[in-house]
N, C-alpha and C. Protein backbone atom coordinates (compact mmCIF):
# COMPACT_ATOMS: atom_id res chain seq x y z
N MET A 1 130.37 -140.52 -13.30
CA MET A 1 129.85 -139.16 -13.67
C MET A 1 128.69 -139.26 -14.49
N PRO A 2 128.39 -140.10 -15.37
CA PRO A 2 127.42 -139.92 -16.02
C PRO A 2 126.01 -139.68 -14.88
N GLU A 3 126.36 -139.93 -13.73
CA GLU A 3 125.45 -139.72 -12.43
C GLU A 3 125.58 -138.35 -12.16
N ARG A 4 126.42 -138.04 -12.07
CA ARG A 4 126.37 -136.73 -11.57
C ARG A 4 126.04 -135.89 -12.76
N MET A 5 126.16 -135.70 -14.03
CA MET A 5 125.80 -135.46 -15.11
C MET A 5 124.47 -135.25 -15.08
N ASP A 6 123.77 -136.44 -14.90
CA ASP A 6 122.17 -136.74 -14.81
C ASP A 6 121.67 -135.42 -13.85
N TYR A 7 122.58 -136.06 -12.87
CA TYR A 7 121.94 -135.17 -11.79
C TYR A 7 122.10 -133.29 -11.94
N LEU A 8 123.10 -132.84 -12.48
CA LEU A 8 123.50 -131.76 -12.84
C LEU A 8 122.42 -131.01 -14.07
N GLU A 9 122.22 -131.59 -15.02
CA GLU A 9 120.80 -131.66 -15.76
C GLU A 9 119.48 -131.49 -15.13
N LYS A 10 119.54 -132.26 -14.94
CA LYS A 10 118.11 -132.04 -13.95
C LYS A 10 118.00 -131.46 -12.88
N LEU A 11 119.37 -130.72 -12.23
CA LEU A 11 119.35 -129.68 -11.49
C LEU A 11 118.89 -128.78 -12.27
N ALA A 12 119.65 -128.55 -13.41
CA ALA A 12 119.63 -126.99 -14.21
C ALA A 12 118.58 -126.97 -14.92
N GLY A 13 117.45 -128.33 -15.03
CA GLY A 13 116.49 -128.40 -16.06
C GLY A 13 115.68 -127.72 -15.22
N ASP A 14 115.53 -128.05 -13.55
CA ASP A 14 114.38 -128.11 -12.56
C ASP A 14 114.50 -126.51 -12.62
N SER A 15 115.69 -126.20 -12.28
CA SER A 15 116.24 -124.51 -12.29
C SER A 15 115.67 -123.79 -13.42
N ALA A 16 115.66 -124.17 -14.17
CA ALA A 16 115.01 -123.52 -15.91
C ALA A 16 113.78 -123.43 -15.66
N ASP A 17 113.11 -124.62 -15.19
CA ASP A 17 111.38 -124.82 -15.08
C ASP A 17 111.11 -123.36 -14.27
N LYS A 18 112.09 -123.84 -13.04
CA LYS A 18 111.60 -122.79 -12.32
C LYS A 18 111.85 -121.55 -12.58
N HIS A 19 112.49 -120.95 -13.36
CA HIS A 19 112.62 -119.90 -13.62
C HIS A 19 111.73 -119.36 -14.19
N TRP A 20 111.72 -120.16 -15.41
CA TRP A 20 110.74 -120.10 -16.29
C TRP A 20 109.46 -119.48 -15.95
N ALA A 21 109.42 -120.22 -14.81
CA ALA A 21 107.30 -120.03 -14.04
C ALA A 21 107.64 -118.67 -13.60
N GLU A 22 108.58 -118.60 -12.70
CA GLU A 22 109.11 -116.89 -12.14
C GLU A 22 108.97 -116.04 -12.92
N ILE A 23 109.67 -116.10 -14.64
CA ILE A 23 109.66 -114.84 -15.10
C ILE A 23 108.22 -115.04 -15.79
N GLN A 24 107.69 -116.11 -15.93
CA GLN A 24 106.23 -115.96 -16.87
C GLN A 24 105.23 -115.12 -15.40
N ALA A 25 105.46 -115.74 -13.88
CA ALA A 25 104.33 -114.59 -13.10
C ALA A 25 104.83 -113.42 -13.43
N LEU A 26 106.51 -113.55 -13.41
CA LEU A 26 106.98 -111.55 -13.09
C LEU A 26 106.28 -110.85 -14.32
N LYS A 27 106.16 -111.55 -15.37
CA LYS A 27 105.49 -111.07 -16.73
C LYS A 27 104.04 -110.54 -16.22
N SER A 28 103.49 -111.25 -15.65
CA SER A 28 101.78 -111.13 -15.47
C SER A 28 101.66 -110.44 -14.66
N ALA A 29 102.83 -110.19 -13.42
CA ALA A 29 102.52 -109.36 -12.55
C ALA A 29 103.23 -107.95 -13.17
N HIS A 30 103.92 -107.98 -14.02
CA HIS A 30 104.28 -106.25 -14.71
C HIS A 30 103.19 -105.93 -15.85
N ASP A 31 102.70 -107.31 -16.03
CA ASP A 31 101.28 -106.48 -17.15
C ASP A 31 100.52 -105.88 -16.00
N LYS A 32 99.85 -106.67 -14.88
CA LYS A 32 98.73 -106.22 -13.92
C LYS A 32 99.43 -104.74 -13.87
N HIS A 33 100.64 -104.53 -13.19
CA HIS A 33 101.29 -103.64 -12.85
C HIS A 33 101.03 -102.64 -13.79
N SER A 34 101.27 -102.49 -14.99
CA SER A 34 101.58 -101.75 -16.13
C SER A 34 99.60 -100.90 -16.20
N VAL A 35 98.60 -101.81 -16.07
CA VAL A 35 97.16 -101.68 -16.57
C VAL A 35 96.99 -100.50 -15.26
N THR A 36 97.51 -100.92 -14.06
CA THR A 36 97.29 -100.01 -12.91
C THR A 36 97.70 -98.74 -12.67
N GLN A 37 98.85 -98.81 -13.39
CA GLN A 37 99.87 -97.45 -13.36
C GLN A 37 98.88 -97.00 -14.42
N ALA A 38 99.27 -97.37 -15.14
CA ALA A 38 97.84 -96.17 -16.40
C ALA A 38 96.71 -95.78 -15.75
N ARG A 39 95.86 -96.44 -14.94
CA ARG A 39 95.07 -95.98 -14.25
C ARG A 39 95.26 -95.13 -13.56
N HIS A 40 96.41 -95.42 -12.56
CA HIS A 40 97.04 -94.23 -11.62
C HIS A 40 97.53 -93.00 -12.33
N VAL A 41 97.73 -92.87 -13.87
CA VAL A 41 98.75 -91.96 -14.48
C VAL A 41 97.06 -91.39 -14.93
N LYS A 42 96.03 -91.97 -15.13
CA LYS A 42 94.71 -91.12 -15.51
C LYS A 42 94.22 -90.59 -14.04
N ASP A 43 94.01 -91.20 -13.20
CA ASP A 43 93.75 -90.74 -12.34
C ASP A 43 94.31 -89.50 -11.41
N MET A 44 95.68 -89.36 -11.77
CA MET A 44 96.47 -88.38 -11.43
C MET A 44 96.47 -87.10 -12.23
N GLU A 45 96.06 -87.45 -13.51
CA GLU A 45 95.98 -86.43 -14.21
C GLU A 45 94.23 -85.79 -14.14
N ASN A 46 93.55 -86.46 -13.93
CA ASN A 46 91.92 -86.30 -13.49
C ASN A 46 92.32 -85.25 -11.95
N MET A 47 93.10 -85.80 -11.29
CA MET A 47 93.60 -85.04 -9.76
C MET A 47 94.07 -83.95 -10.08
N LYS A 48 94.80 -83.53 -11.13
CA LYS A 48 95.69 -82.27 -11.67
C LYS A 48 94.59 -81.57 -11.86
N GLY A 49 93.58 -82.07 -12.63
CA GLY A 49 92.53 -81.12 -13.78
C GLY A 49 91.38 -80.23 -11.95
N LEU A 50 91.24 -81.24 -11.51
CA LEU A 50 90.78 -80.67 -10.16
C LEU A 50 91.30 -79.63 -9.33
N HIS A 51 92.47 -79.86 -9.26
CA HIS A 51 93.55 -79.12 -8.45
C HIS A 51 93.14 -77.89 -8.80
N GLU A 52 93.56 -77.70 -10.45
CA GLU A 52 93.11 -76.47 -10.82
C GLU A 52 92.24 -75.50 -10.87
N VAL A 53 90.97 -76.62 -10.78
CA VAL A 53 89.55 -75.76 -10.78
C VAL A 53 89.23 -75.48 -9.03
N HIS A 54 90.15 -76.39 -8.33
CA HIS A 54 89.75 -75.73 -6.90
C HIS A 54 90.50 -74.72 -5.95
N ALA A 55 89.48 -74.36 -5.29
CA ALA A 55 90.45 -73.08 -4.74
C ALA A 55 91.66 -73.53 -3.99
N THR A 56 92.79 -72.93 -3.42
CA THR A 56 93.01 -73.53 -2.01
C THR A 56 92.65 -72.94 -0.72
N THR A 57 92.92 -73.53 0.20
CA THR A 57 92.20 -72.83 1.54
C THR A 57 92.63 -71.71 1.78
N ALA A 58 93.92 -71.09 1.39
CA ALA A 58 94.02 -69.84 1.71
C ALA A 58 93.09 -68.94 1.01
N GLU A 59 92.62 -69.22 -0.48
CA GLU A 59 91.69 -68.35 -1.35
C GLU A 59 90.68 -68.62 -0.81
N ARG A 60 90.34 -70.06 -0.10
CA ARG A 60 88.68 -70.27 0.18
C ARG A 60 88.45 -69.35 1.71
N LEU A 61 89.21 -69.49 2.33
CA LEU A 61 89.39 -68.95 3.86
C LEU A 61 89.29 -67.20 3.90
N ALA A 62 90.10 -66.59 2.43
CA ALA A 62 89.98 -65.18 2.16
C ALA A 62 88.69 -64.75 1.61
N TYR A 63 88.04 -65.90 0.51
CA TYR A 63 86.74 -65.50 0.14
C TYR A 63 85.98 -65.54 1.38
N LEU A 64 85.78 -66.55 2.14
CA LEU A 64 84.81 -66.84 3.78
C LEU A 64 85.04 -65.25 4.38
N GLU A 65 86.38 -65.05 4.70
CA GLU A 65 86.47 -63.83 5.31
C GLU A 65 85.94 -62.83 4.55
N GLN A 66 86.16 -62.18 3.55
CA GLN A 66 85.17 -60.99 3.04
C GLN A 66 83.87 -61.08 2.42
N LEU A 67 83.21 -62.35 2.39
CA LEU A 67 81.84 -62.30 2.60
C LEU A 67 81.07 -62.45 4.02
N VAL A 68 82.09 -62.78 5.07
CA VAL A 68 81.73 -62.76 6.24
C VAL A 68 82.11 -60.59 6.32
N GLY A 69 82.62 -59.88 6.42
CA GLY A 69 82.99 -58.57 6.32
C GLY A 69 82.13 -58.36 5.77
N ASP A 70 81.97 -58.29 3.99
CA ASP A 70 80.62 -57.66 4.05
C ASP A 70 79.26 -57.59 4.32
N SER A 71 79.32 -58.66 4.81
CA SER A 71 78.01 -59.24 5.66
C SER A 71 77.76 -58.40 7.04
N ALA A 72 78.89 -58.44 7.76
CA ALA A 72 79.18 -57.37 9.07
C ALA A 72 78.55 -55.83 8.29
N ASP A 73 79.54 -55.58 7.43
CA ASP A 73 78.98 -54.02 7.18
C ASP A 73 77.88 -53.57 6.62
N LYS A 74 77.38 -54.31 6.13
CA LYS A 74 75.89 -54.68 5.80
C LYS A 74 74.71 -54.38 6.89
N HIS A 75 74.99 -55.25 7.69
CA HIS A 75 74.48 -55.25 8.38
C HIS A 75 74.72 -54.36 9.52
N MET A 76 75.76 -53.72 9.87
CA MET A 76 75.90 -52.49 10.62
C MET A 76 74.93 -51.54 10.05
N GLN A 77 75.18 -51.12 8.49
CA GLN A 77 74.62 -50.24 8.02
C GLN A 77 73.12 -50.24 8.60
N GLU A 78 72.57 -51.21 8.29
CA GLU A 78 71.21 -51.53 8.36
C GLU A 78 71.19 -51.27 10.42
N ILE A 79 72.07 -51.75 10.77
CA ILE A 79 71.98 -51.01 12.60
C ILE A 79 72.16 -49.64 12.52
N GLU A 80 72.59 -49.12 12.18
CA GLU A 80 72.64 -47.63 12.10
C GLU A 80 71.25 -46.71 11.28
N ALA A 81 70.84 -47.68 10.49
CA ALA A 81 69.61 -47.13 9.74
C ALA A 81 67.99 -47.44 10.69
N ILE A 82 68.60 -48.18 11.45
CA ILE A 82 67.51 -48.93 12.22
C ILE A 82 67.46 -47.97 13.29
N LYS A 83 68.74 -47.75 14.21
CA LYS A 83 68.83 -46.32 15.15
C LYS A 83 68.55 -45.20 14.41
N ALA A 84 68.88 -44.91 13.27
CA ALA A 84 68.33 -43.45 13.09
C ALA A 84 66.71 -43.39 13.33
N GLN A 85 66.13 -44.39 12.51
CA GLN A 85 64.86 -44.30 12.65
C GLN A 85 63.85 -44.49 14.20
N HIS A 86 64.72 -45.12 15.03
CA HIS A 86 64.15 -45.31 16.06
C HIS A 86 64.12 -43.98 16.49
N VAL A 87 65.20 -43.13 16.84
CA VAL A 87 65.66 -41.58 17.21
C VAL A 87 64.42 -41.00 16.52
N LYS A 88 64.08 -41.44 15.09
CA LYS A 88 63.05 -40.34 14.36
C LYS A 88 61.79 -40.71 15.61
N HIS A 89 61.42 -41.87 15.25
CA HIS A 89 60.31 -42.45 16.01
C HIS A 89 59.81 -41.70 17.64
N ALA A 90 61.03 -41.83 18.25
CA ALA A 90 61.35 -41.51 19.60
C ALA A 90 60.98 -39.72 19.79
N ASP A 91 61.17 -39.23 18.66
CA ASP A 91 60.97 -37.65 18.48
C ASP A 91 59.42 -37.55 18.50
N GLU A 92 59.12 -38.23 17.44
CA GLU A 92 57.67 -38.15 16.76
C GLU A 92 56.60 -38.53 18.38
N LEU A 93 56.98 -39.38 18.62
CA LEU A 93 56.40 -39.74 19.83
C LEU A 93 56.39 -38.62 21.25
N SER A 94 57.41 -38.39 21.07
CA SER A 94 57.24 -36.91 22.22
C SER A 94 56.64 -35.84 22.15
N LYS A 95 56.86 -35.48 20.77
CA LYS A 95 55.99 -34.62 20.02
C LYS A 95 54.57 -34.60 20.06
N HIS A 96 54.00 -36.35 19.98
CA HIS A 96 52.75 -36.50 20.29
C HIS A 96 52.44 -36.51 21.50
N GLY A 97 52.74 -36.74 21.93
CA GLY A 97 52.57 -36.58 23.91
C GLY A 97 52.50 -35.40 24.41
N LYS A 98 53.25 -34.44 23.55
CA LYS A 98 53.00 -33.27 24.00
C LYS A 98 51.70 -32.62 23.52
N ASN A 99 51.53 -32.89 21.97
CA ASN A 99 50.21 -32.53 21.48
C ASN A 99 49.04 -32.92 22.21
N ALA A 100 49.21 -34.23 22.80
CA ALA A 100 48.08 -35.08 23.07
C ALA A 100 47.64 -34.45 24.55
N GLY A 101 48.95 -34.30 25.24
CA GLY A 101 48.80 -33.26 26.64
C GLY A 101 48.07 -31.86 26.66
N ASP A 102 48.79 -30.89 25.15
CA ASP A 102 48.03 -29.91 25.29
C ASP A 102 46.54 -30.24 24.44
N ALA A 103 46.07 -31.17 23.92
CA ALA A 103 44.73 -31.17 23.66
C ALA A 103 43.71 -31.82 25.10
N LEU A 104 44.45 -32.39 25.73
CA LEU A 104 43.69 -32.97 26.88
C LEU A 104 43.10 -31.47 27.72
N SER A 105 44.57 -30.85 28.06
CA SER A 105 44.75 -29.52 29.03
C SER A 105 43.22 -28.77 28.44
N LYS A 106 43.28 -28.51 27.08
CA LYS A 106 41.73 -27.80 26.81
C LYS A 106 40.41 -28.63 26.69
N HIS A 107 40.48 -30.03 26.78
CA HIS A 107 39.07 -30.79 26.88
C HIS A 107 38.81 -30.44 28.25
N ALA A 108 37.64 -30.36 28.39
CA ALA A 108 36.56 -30.70 29.79
C ALA A 108 36.99 -32.49 29.96
N SER A 109 37.08 -32.53 31.52
CA SER A 109 37.22 -34.21 32.12
C SER A 109 35.83 -34.49 31.49
N LEU A 110 35.86 -36.04 31.61
CA LEU A 110 34.82 -36.58 31.41
C LEU A 110 33.96 -36.35 32.75
N GLY A 111 34.31 -36.30 33.86
CA GLY A 111 33.06 -35.63 34.49
C GLY A 111 32.52 -34.68 34.58
N ASP A 112 33.13 -33.74 33.84
CA ASP A 112 32.90 -32.54 33.63
C ASP A 112 31.69 -32.39 32.41
N ARG A 113 31.70 -33.59 31.59
CA ARG A 113 31.14 -33.35 30.33
C ARG A 113 29.68 -34.01 30.30
N VAL A 114 29.76 -34.91 31.56
CA VAL A 114 28.82 -35.98 31.77
C VAL A 114 27.70 -35.02 32.97
N VAL A 115 28.33 -33.91 33.94
CA VAL A 115 27.45 -33.28 34.33
C VAL A 115 26.88 -32.23 33.58
N TYR A 116 27.61 -31.36 32.72
CA TYR A 116 26.84 -31.06 31.45
C TYR A 116 25.87 -31.47 31.01
N LEU A 117 26.19 -32.85 30.32
CA LEU A 117 25.23 -33.47 29.80
C LEU A 117 23.72 -33.44 30.35
N GLU A 118 24.07 -34.12 32.03
CA GLU A 118 22.84 -34.31 32.56
C GLU A 118 22.35 -32.71 32.90
N LYS A 119 23.04 -31.71 33.06
CA LYS A 119 22.08 -30.57 33.16
C LYS A 119 21.23 -30.35 31.94
N LEU A 120 21.87 -30.12 30.78
CA LEU A 120 21.04 -30.05 29.84
C LEU A 120 19.91 -30.95 29.44
N LEU A 121 19.99 -32.19 29.47
CA LEU A 121 19.03 -32.91 29.36
C LEU A 121 18.00 -32.53 30.90
N GLY A 122 18.61 -32.40 31.89
CA GLY A 122 17.22 -31.90 32.73
C GLY A 122 16.78 -30.72 32.56
N ASP A 123 17.60 -29.78 32.45
CA ASP A 123 16.58 -28.28 31.53
C ASP A 123 15.61 -28.91 30.19
N SER A 124 16.61 -29.39 29.70
CA SER A 124 15.73 -29.97 28.50
C SER A 124 14.13 -30.58 28.88
N ALA A 125 14.27 -31.50 29.95
CA ALA A 125 12.95 -32.59 30.54
C ALA A 125 12.45 -31.65 31.18
N ASP A 126 12.85 -30.61 32.05
CA ASP A 126 12.00 -29.52 32.38
C ASP A 126 11.48 -28.51 31.49
N THR A 127 12.21 -27.90 30.54
CA THR A 127 10.84 -27.25 29.32
C THR A 127 10.72 -28.14 28.57
N HIS A 128 10.80 -28.89 28.45
CA HIS A 128 9.53 -30.02 28.05
C HIS A 128 8.63 -30.58 28.52
N ALA A 129 8.52 -30.69 29.98
CA ALA A 129 7.38 -30.86 30.65
C ALA A 129 6.28 -29.32 31.17
N ALA A 130 7.14 -28.11 30.84
CA ALA A 130 6.27 -27.23 31.23
C ALA A 130 5.72 -26.69 29.83
N GLU A 131 6.36 -26.85 28.59
CA GLU A 131 5.54 -26.54 27.18
C GLU A 131 4.40 -27.44 27.36
N LEU A 132 4.74 -29.21 27.84
CA LEU A 132 3.53 -30.34 28.00
C LEU A 132 2.60 -29.66 28.61
N GLN A 133 2.62 -28.91 30.02
CA GLN A 133 1.79 -28.47 30.65
C GLN A 133 0.81 -27.31 30.12
N ALA A 134 1.90 -26.38 29.44
CA ALA A 134 0.95 -25.58 28.89
C ALA A 134 0.40 -25.81 27.85
N LEU A 135 0.81 -26.41 26.93
CA LEU A 135 -0.22 -27.20 26.06
C LEU A 135 -1.52 -27.95 26.61
N LYS A 136 -1.29 -28.93 27.30
CA LYS A 136 -2.41 -29.27 28.20
C LYS A 136 -3.49 -28.08 28.32
N ASP A 137 -2.60 -27.35 29.32
CA ASP A 137 -3.95 -26.25 29.92
C ASP A 137 -4.67 -25.66 28.19
N ALA A 138 -3.57 -25.45 27.48
CA ALA A 138 -4.62 -24.65 26.58
C ALA A 138 -5.66 -25.44 25.74
N HIS A 139 -4.98 -26.74 25.62
CA HIS A 139 -6.26 -28.05 25.33
C HIS A 139 -7.43 -27.78 26.02
N ASP A 140 -7.47 -27.58 27.29
CA ASP A 140 -8.50 -27.76 28.17
C ASP A 140 -9.35 -26.65 27.98
N LYS A 141 -8.73 -25.53 27.69
CA LYS A 141 -9.46 -24.24 27.92
C LYS A 141 -10.06 -24.17 26.31
N HIS A 142 -9.36 -24.65 25.70
CA HIS A 142 -9.90 -24.92 23.73
C HIS A 142 -11.22 -26.08 24.19
N VAL A 143 -11.13 -26.65 25.13
CA VAL A 143 -12.06 -27.93 25.51
C VAL A 143 -13.04 -27.13 25.73
N GLN A 144 -12.71 -26.01 26.99
CA GLN A 144 -14.02 -25.49 27.27
C GLN A 144 -14.25 -24.64 26.30
N ASP A 145 -14.02 -24.04 25.69
CA ASP A 145 -14.19 -23.30 24.52
C ASP A 145 -15.57 -23.31 23.67
N LEU A 146 -14.64 -24.64 23.26
CA LEU A 146 -15.66 -25.83 22.57
C LEU A 146 -16.92 -25.86 23.04
N GLY A 147 -17.06 -26.13 24.10
CA GLY A 147 -18.19 -26.80 25.01
C GLY A 147 -19.08 -25.00 24.87
N GLY A 148 -18.24 -24.21 25.33
CA GLY A 148 -19.40 -22.68 25.08
C GLY A 148 -19.89 -22.41 23.53
N VAL A 149 -19.30 -23.12 23.04
CA VAL A 149 -19.53 -23.22 21.30
C VAL A 149 -20.62 -23.83 20.89
N LYS A 150 -20.53 -24.87 21.67
CA LYS A 150 -21.77 -26.08 21.29
C LYS A 150 -22.96 -25.35 22.06
N ALA A 151 -22.40 -25.29 23.65
CA ALA A 151 -23.72 -24.66 24.15
C ALA A 151 -24.60 -23.70 23.48
N ALA A 152 -23.86 -22.71 22.81
CA ALA A 152 -24.20 -21.24 22.00
C ALA A 152 -25.05 -21.71 20.78
N HIS A 153 -24.67 -22.59 20.23
CA HIS A 153 -24.98 -23.51 19.31
C HIS A 153 -26.04 -23.86 19.60
N LEU A 154 -26.54 -24.17 20.51
CA LEU A 154 -27.68 -25.37 20.78
C LEU A 154 -28.93 -23.64 21.08
N HIS A 155 -28.22 -22.95 21.56
CA HIS A 155 -29.14 -21.37 21.72
C HIS A 155 -29.65 -21.08 20.21
N HIS A 156 -28.67 -21.14 19.44
CA HIS A 156 -28.81 -20.44 18.06
C HIS A 156 -30.00 -20.91 17.66
N ALA A 157 -30.42 -20.75 16.83
CA ALA A 157 -31.44 -21.47 15.43
C ALA A 157 -30.44 -21.86 14.68
N SER A 158 -31.51 -22.53 13.71
CA SER A 158 -30.83 -23.02 12.59
C SER A 158 -30.80 -22.12 11.57
N MET A 159 -30.33 -21.95 10.28
CA MET A 159 -29.96 -21.36 9.11
C MET A 159 -31.41 -21.27 8.85
N PRO A 160 -32.31 -22.28 8.19
CA PRO A 160 -33.65 -21.80 7.78
C PRO A 160 -35.04 -20.92 9.14
N GLU A 161 -34.40 -21.71 10.02
CA GLU A 161 -35.42 -20.90 11.20
C GLU A 161 -34.86 -19.47 11.44
N ARG A 162 -33.66 -18.60 11.30
CA ARG A 162 -33.20 -17.76 11.44
C ARG A 162 -33.89 -16.93 9.84
N ILE A 163 -33.63 -17.51 8.96
CA ILE A 163 -33.89 -16.78 7.53
C ILE A 163 -35.77 -16.39 7.59
N GLY A 164 -36.05 -17.91 7.81
CA GLY A 164 -37.44 -17.49 8.09
C GLY A 164 -38.01 -16.32 9.31
N TYR A 165 -37.25 -16.37 10.40
CA TYR A 165 -37.56 -15.31 11.31
C TYR A 165 -37.24 -13.61 10.62
N LEU A 166 -36.53 -13.89 10.13
CA LEU A 166 -35.98 -12.51 9.07
C LEU A 166 -36.94 -12.42 7.89
N GLU A 167 -37.11 -12.93 7.29
CA GLU A 167 -38.40 -12.85 6.49
C GLU A 167 -39.82 -12.20 7.27
N LYS A 168 -39.66 -13.10 8.29
CA LYS A 168 -41.34 -12.86 8.71
C LYS A 168 -40.97 -11.16 9.78
N LYS A 169 -39.89 -11.12 9.90
CA LYS A 169 -39.68 -9.66 10.80
C LYS A 169 -40.08 -8.42 9.59
N LEU A 170 -39.15 -9.17 8.50
CA LEU A 170 -39.13 -7.78 7.25
C LEU A 170 -40.47 -7.76 6.48
N GLY A 171 -41.22 -8.67 6.56
CA GLY A 171 -42.39 -8.78 6.08
C GLY A 171 -43.71 -7.88 6.78
N ASP A 172 -43.51 -8.54 8.05
CA ASP A 172 -44.28 -7.36 9.17
C ASP A 172 -43.92 -6.03 9.28
N SER A 173 -42.65 -5.72 9.15
CA SER A 173 -42.28 -4.68 8.98
C SER A 173 -42.77 -4.05 7.55
N ALA A 174 -42.56 -4.56 6.46
CA ALA A 174 -42.98 -4.11 5.78
C ALA A 174 -44.51 -4.14 5.19
N ASP A 175 -45.73 -4.59 5.94
CA ASP A 175 -46.69 -4.75 6.30
C ASP A 175 -46.74 -3.56 6.87
N GLN A 176 -46.24 -3.29 8.40
CA GLN A 176 -46.31 -2.41 8.82
C GLN A 176 -46.25 -0.96 8.03
N HIS A 177 -45.00 -0.51 7.89
CA HIS A 177 -44.48 0.50 6.92
C HIS A 177 -45.80 0.87 5.96
N ALA A 178 -45.75 -0.01 5.14
CA ALA A 178 -47.49 0.00 4.52
C ALA A 178 -48.21 0.73 4.66
N SER A 179 -48.85 0.19 5.80
CA SER A 179 -49.92 0.90 6.68
C SER A 179 -49.94 1.97 7.26
N GLU A 180 -48.96 2.27 7.65
CA GLU A 180 -48.23 3.88 8.27
C GLU A 180 -48.45 4.61 6.89
N ILE A 181 -47.77 4.25 5.92
CA ILE A 181 -47.18 5.22 4.86
C ILE A 181 -49.13 5.28 4.38
N ALA A 182 -49.66 4.22 4.17
CA ALA A 182 -51.07 4.48 3.64
C ALA A 182 -51.79 5.18 4.72
N ALA A 183 -51.65 5.43 6.17
CA ALA A 183 -52.35 6.07 6.68
C ALA A 183 -51.71 7.71 7.11
N LEU A 184 -50.33 7.55 6.25
CA LEU A 184 -49.80 9.43 6.66
C LEU A 184 -50.46 9.93 5.17
N LYS A 185 -50.50 9.28 3.95
CA LYS A 185 -51.02 9.63 2.62
C LYS A 185 -52.94 10.11 3.14
N THR A 186 -53.29 9.25 3.82
CA THR A 186 -54.99 9.47 4.44
C THR A 186 -54.54 11.03 4.95
N ALA A 187 -53.77 11.02 5.85
CA ALA A 187 -53.60 11.70 7.23
C ALA A 187 -53.15 13.18 5.78
N HIS A 188 -52.16 12.93 4.80
CA HIS A 188 -51.99 14.43 4.75
C HIS A 188 -53.28 14.90 3.28
N ASP A 189 -53.44 13.65 2.88
CA ASP A 189 -55.01 14.50 1.69
C ASP A 189 -55.75 14.95 2.27
N LYS A 190 -55.88 14.68 3.72
CA LYS A 190 -57.33 15.34 4.19
C LYS A 190 -56.76 17.08 4.55
């Protein structure tokens, strides 16, 4: 029996050591688990805070639908404004085309205008040619007249010659008149 007792004690001791090691391992695992659980609790609290701030999918979808709807409404208004401007510009273009057509119908064609200018310049050139010929003829006449004046001038005595001639004639005439008067006095005195 002592052997049996030793065997049982040994078995109970081995079992107690084994249980003690397992209890220590469980305590260690429990401590690790507690730390991990504390981290998970903290993460869950952070997650809850984020979820409170974060919009739900339905809220996000509603926001996007509103944004797209507002944008579509704005674009539709802009398109309507552009269409109105287009109609206005089309009317103005039509009026401008009509006014331009009226203006063109009142103006002579380019060909007519060129013909008019050519006629005007041709008439002007003919007039200028006739006037130039008249001036040349007048110039020639003046040249001839000047030649006549020069020739006459050559036949005329100079001023001193003319004065000398007049003095001589007057002197001769005075002498003649004096002798005639003296002769008349003598004849009268007799």
